[in-house]
C-alpha atoms as a PDB file:
ATOM      1  CA  MET A   1      -4.922   7.285 -12.030  1.00  0.00           C
ATOM      2  CA  ALA A   2      -4.677  10.926 -10.994  1.00  0.00           C
ATOM      3  CA  GLN A   3      -2.243   9.947  -8.261  1.00  0.00           C
ATOM      4  CA  MET A   4      -0.007   8.228 -10.805  1.00  0.00           C
ATOM      5  CA  GLN A   5      -0.068  11.362 -12.974  1.00  0.00           C
ATOM      6  CA  LEU A   6       0.964  13.464  -9.963  1.00  0.00           C
ATOM      7  CA  GLU A   7       3.833  11.061  -9.242  1.00  0.00           C
ATOM      8  CA  ILE A   8       5.016  11.290 -12.838  1.00  0.00           C
ATOM      9  CA  GLU A   9       4.872  15.076 -12.778  1.00  0.00           C
ATOM     10  CA  LYS A  10       6.746  15.071  -9.463  1.00  0.00           C
ATOM     11  CA  GLN A  11       9.488  12.910 -10.963  1.00  0.00           C
ATOM     12  CA  LEU A  12       9.775  15.176 -13.973  1.00  0.00           C
ATOM     13  CA  ALA A  13      10.025  18.226 -11.734  1.00  0.00           C
ATOM     14  CA  LYS A  14      12.941  16.765  -9.745  1.00  0.00           C
ATOM     15  CA  LYS A  15      16.201  18.407 -10.653  1.00  0.00           C
ATOM     16  CA  SER A  16      19.765  17.498  -9.894  1.00  0.00           C
ATOM     17  CA  THR A  17      20.806  20.657  -8.091  1.00  0.00           C
ATOM     18  CA  LEU A  18      24.336  19.451  -7.338  1.00  0.00           C
ATOM     19  CA  ALA A  19      24.947  18.369 -10.887  1.00  0.00           C
ATOM     20  CA  GLU A  20      23.482  21.577 -12.224  1.00  0.00           C
ATOM     21  CA  LYS A  21      25.773  23.610  -9.965  1.00  0.00           C
ATOM     22  CA  VAL A  22      28.833  22.082 -11.612  1.00  0.00           C
ATOM     23  CA  GLY A  23      27.424  22.669 -15.081  1.00  0.00           C
ATOM     24  CA  ILE A  24      25.893  19.294 -15.840  1.00  0.00           C
ATOM     25  CA  PRO A  25      22.719  19.543 -17.908  1.00  0.00           C
ATOM     26  CA  GLY A  26      19.471  18.932 -16.109  1.00  0.00           C
ATOM     27  CA  PHE A  27      15.978  18.460 -17.442  1.00  0.00           C
ATOM     28  CA  VAL A  28      14.448  20.006 -20.531  1.00  0.00           C
ATOM     29  CA  ASP A  29      10.738  19.474 -21.252  1.00  0.00           C
ATOM     30  CA  GLY A  30      10.595  16.837 -18.516  1.00  0.00           C
ATOM     31  CA  ARG A  31      13.389  14.749 -20.001  1.00  0.00           C
ATOM     32  CA  ARG A  32      17.001  14.547 -18.944  1.00  0.00           C
ATOM     33  CA  GLN A  33      19.389  15.969 -21.470  1.00  0.00           C
ATOM     34  CA  LYS A  34      21.782  13.460 -22.953  1.00  0.00           C
ATOM     35  CA  LEU A  35      25.443  13.778 -22.112  1.00  0.00           C
ATOM     36  CA  ASN A  36      27.753  13.539 -25.066  1.00  0.00           C
ATOM     37  CA  LEU A  37      31.356  12.412 -25.066  1.00  0.00           C
ATOM     38  CA  GLN A  38      32.716  15.896 -25.777  1.00  0.00           C
ATOM     39  CA  PHE A  39      30.896  17.282 -22.759  1.00  0.00           C
ATOM     40  CA  LEU A  40      32.388  14.585 -20.514  1.00  0.00           C
ATOM     41  CA  TRP A  41      35.913  15.136 -21.858  1.00  0.00           C
ATOM     42  CA  GLU A  42      35.627  18.806 -20.927  1.00  0.00           C
ATOM     43  CA  ARG A  43      34.874  18.001 -17.261  1.00  0.00           C
ATOM     44  CA  ASN A  44      37.370  17.324 -14.519  1.00  0.00           C
ATOM     45  CA  LEU A  45      37.304  14.274 -12.263  1.00  0.00           C
ATOM     46  CA  ALA A  46      35.439  16.049  -9.459  1.00  0.00           C
ATOM     47  CA  GLN A  47      32.647  17.096 -11.806  1.00  0.00           C
ATOM     48  CA  ILE A  48      32.362  13.603 -13.220  1.00  0.00           C
ATOM     49  CA  GLN A  49      32.241  12.182  -9.697  1.00  0.00           C
ATOM     50  CA  VAL A  50      29.388  14.580  -8.884  1.00  0.00           C
ATOM     51  CA  LEU A  51      27.619  13.357 -11.999  1.00  0.00           C
ATOM     52  CA  VAL A  52      28.134   9.716 -11.012  1.00  0.00           C
ATOM     53  CA  ASN A  53      26.883  10.359  -7.474  1.00  0.00           C
ATOM     54  CA  ASP A  54      23.892  12.237  -8.850  1.00  0.00           C
ATOM     55  CA  LEU A  55      23.054   9.380 -11.185  1.00  0.00           C
ATOM     56  CA  HIS A  56      23.323   6.876  -8.330  1.00  0.00           C
ATOM     57  CA  THR A  57      20.955   9.001  -6.264  1.00  0.00           C
ATOM     58  CA  GLN A  58      18.486   9.174  -9.131  1.00  0.00           C
ATOM     59  CA  ILE A  59      18.677   5.419  -9.609  1.00  0.00           C
ATOM     60  CA  GLU A  60      17.935   4.889  -5.913  1.00  0.00           C
ATOM     61  CA  ASN A  61      14.995   7.293  -6.089  1.00  0.00           C
ATOM     62  CA  TYR A  62      13.583   5.605  -9.184  1.00  0.00           C
ATOM     63  CA  ASN A  63      14.011   2.186  -7.566  1.00  0.00           C
ATOM     64  CA  GLU A  64      12.142   3.345  -4.459  1.00  0.00           C
ATOM     65  CA  ASP A  65       9.364   4.789  -6.597  1.00  0.00           C
ATOM     66  CA  LEU A  66       9.187   1.562  -8.581  1.00  0.00           C
ATOM     67  CA  VAL A  67       8.932  -0.547  -5.430  1.00  0.00           C
ATOM     68  CA  HIS A  68       6.124   1.675  -4.118  1.00  0.00           C
ATOM     69  CA  ALA A  69       4.315   1.494  -7.456  1.00  0.00           C
ATOM     70  CA  LEU A  70       4.660  -2.303  -7.553  1.00  0.00           C
ATOM     71  CA  ILE A  71       3.322  -2.617  -4.014  1.00  0.00           C
ATOM     72  CA  GLU A  72       0.385  -0.392  -4.904  1.00  0.00           C
ATOM     73  CA  ARG A  73      -0.236  -2.421  -8.072  1.00  0.00           C
ATOM     74  CA  ASP A  74      -0.219  -5.663  -6.078  1.00  0.00           C
ATOM     75  CA  ASP A  75      -2.628  -4.178  -3.540  1.00  0.00           C
ATOM     76  CA  LEU A  76      -4.951  -3.093  -6.341  1.00  0.00           C
ATOM     77  CA  HIS A  77      -4.770  -6.558  -7.938  1.00  0.00           C
ATOM     78  CA  MET A  78      -5.669  -8.178  -4.621  1.00  0.00           C
ATOM     79  CA  GLU A  79      -8.559  -5.751  -4.162  1.00  0.00           C
ATOM     80  CA  GLN A  80      -9.741  -6.487  -7.703  1.00  0.00           C
ATOM     81  CA  ASP A  81      -9.551 -10.250  -7.105  1.00  0.00           C
ATOM     82  CA  SER A  82     -11.550  -9.851  -3.913  1.00  0.00           C
ATOM     83  CA  MET A  83     -14.209  -7.855  -5.740  1.00  0.00           C
ATOM     84  CA  LEU A  84     -14.401 -10.466  -8.500  1.00  0.00           C
ATOM     85  CA  VAL A  85     -14.911 -13.234  -5.935  1.00  0.00           C
ATOM     86  CA  ASP A  86     -17.656 -11.166  -4.280  1.00  0.00           C
ATOM     87  CA  ILE A  87     -19.316 -10.633  -7.659  1.00  0.00           C
ATOM     88  CA  GLU A  88     -19.157 -14.354  -8.415  1.00  0.00           C
ATOM     89  CA  ASP A  89     -20.717 -15.155  -5.021  1.00  0.00           C
ATOM     90  CA  LEU A  90     -23.490 -12.612  -5.495  1.00  0.00           C
ATOM     91  CA  THR A  91     -24.181 -13.864  -9.018  1.00  0.00           C
ATOM     92  CA  ARG A  92     -24.355 -17.456  -7.800  1.00  0.00           C
ATOM     93  CA  ARG A  93     -26.730 -16.481  -4.974  1.00  0.00           C
ATOM     94  CA  ALA A  94     -28.915 -14.492  -7.355  1.00  0.00           C
ATOM     95  CA  GLN A  95     -29.100 -17.466  -9.737  1.00  0.00           C
ATOM     96  CA  GLU A  96     -29.950 -19.840  -6.865  1.00  0.00           C
ATOM     97  CA  HIS A  97     -32.616 -17.445  -5.620  1.00  0.00           C
ATOM     98  CA  ALA A  98     -34.086 -17.108  -9.130  1.00  0.00           C
ATOM     99  CA  THR A  99     -34.116 -20.916  -9.484  1.00  0.00           C
ATOM    100  CA  ARG A 100     -35.896 -21.313  -6.127  1.00  0.00           C
ATOM    101  CA  MET A 101     -38.414 -18.638  -6.988  1.00  0.00           C
ATOM    102  CA  SER A 102     -39.155 -20.174 -10.390  1.00  0.00           C
ATOM    103  CA  SER A 103     -39.547 -23.653  -8.880  1.00  0.00           C
ATOM    104  CA  ARG A 104     -41.907 -22.283  -6.190  1.00  0.00           C
ATOM    105  CA  GLY A 105     -43.850 -20.496  -8.870  1.00  0.00           C
ATOM    106  CA  SER A 106     -44.226 -23.659 -10.928  1.00  0.00           C
ATOM    107  CA  LYS A 107     -45.336 -25.619  -7.806  1.00  0.00           C
ATOM    108  CA  ARG A 108     -47.952 -22.971  -6.983  1.00  0.00           C
ATOM    109  CA  SER A 109     -49.221 -22.832 -10.549  1.00  0.00           C
ATOM    110  CA  GLY A 110     -49.499 -26.659 -10.538  1.00  0.00           C
ATOM    111  CA  LYS A 111     -51.650 -26.585  -7.362  1.00  0.00           C
ATOM    112  CA  THR A 112     -54.034 -23.979  -8.669  1.00  0.00           C
ATOM    113  CA  LYS A 113     -54.820 -25.896 -11.882  1.00  0.00           C
END
């Protein structure tokens, strides 16, 4: 859980340095500022292309992070399933052992009477 929080904070700390250099808003309070139509109309083609490239890069980074998170989630699910199977096996063995012990106890108590 702490690792996920660190990843989130790392993502929020990432800034688009190229976009910021050409005057495109970056992050405020961990959230990307919205671009309005007026802002875009005031930019030239080169600045808009930088913005587009920056957004593509961010999309790629988010996709990579998502893939890693999904792989980690799947690994954790498999580990959880394995633990649940182990718990079921141990519970079954404990019940079988308790049954054997109780049947031995009843046989011994029957002999002593």
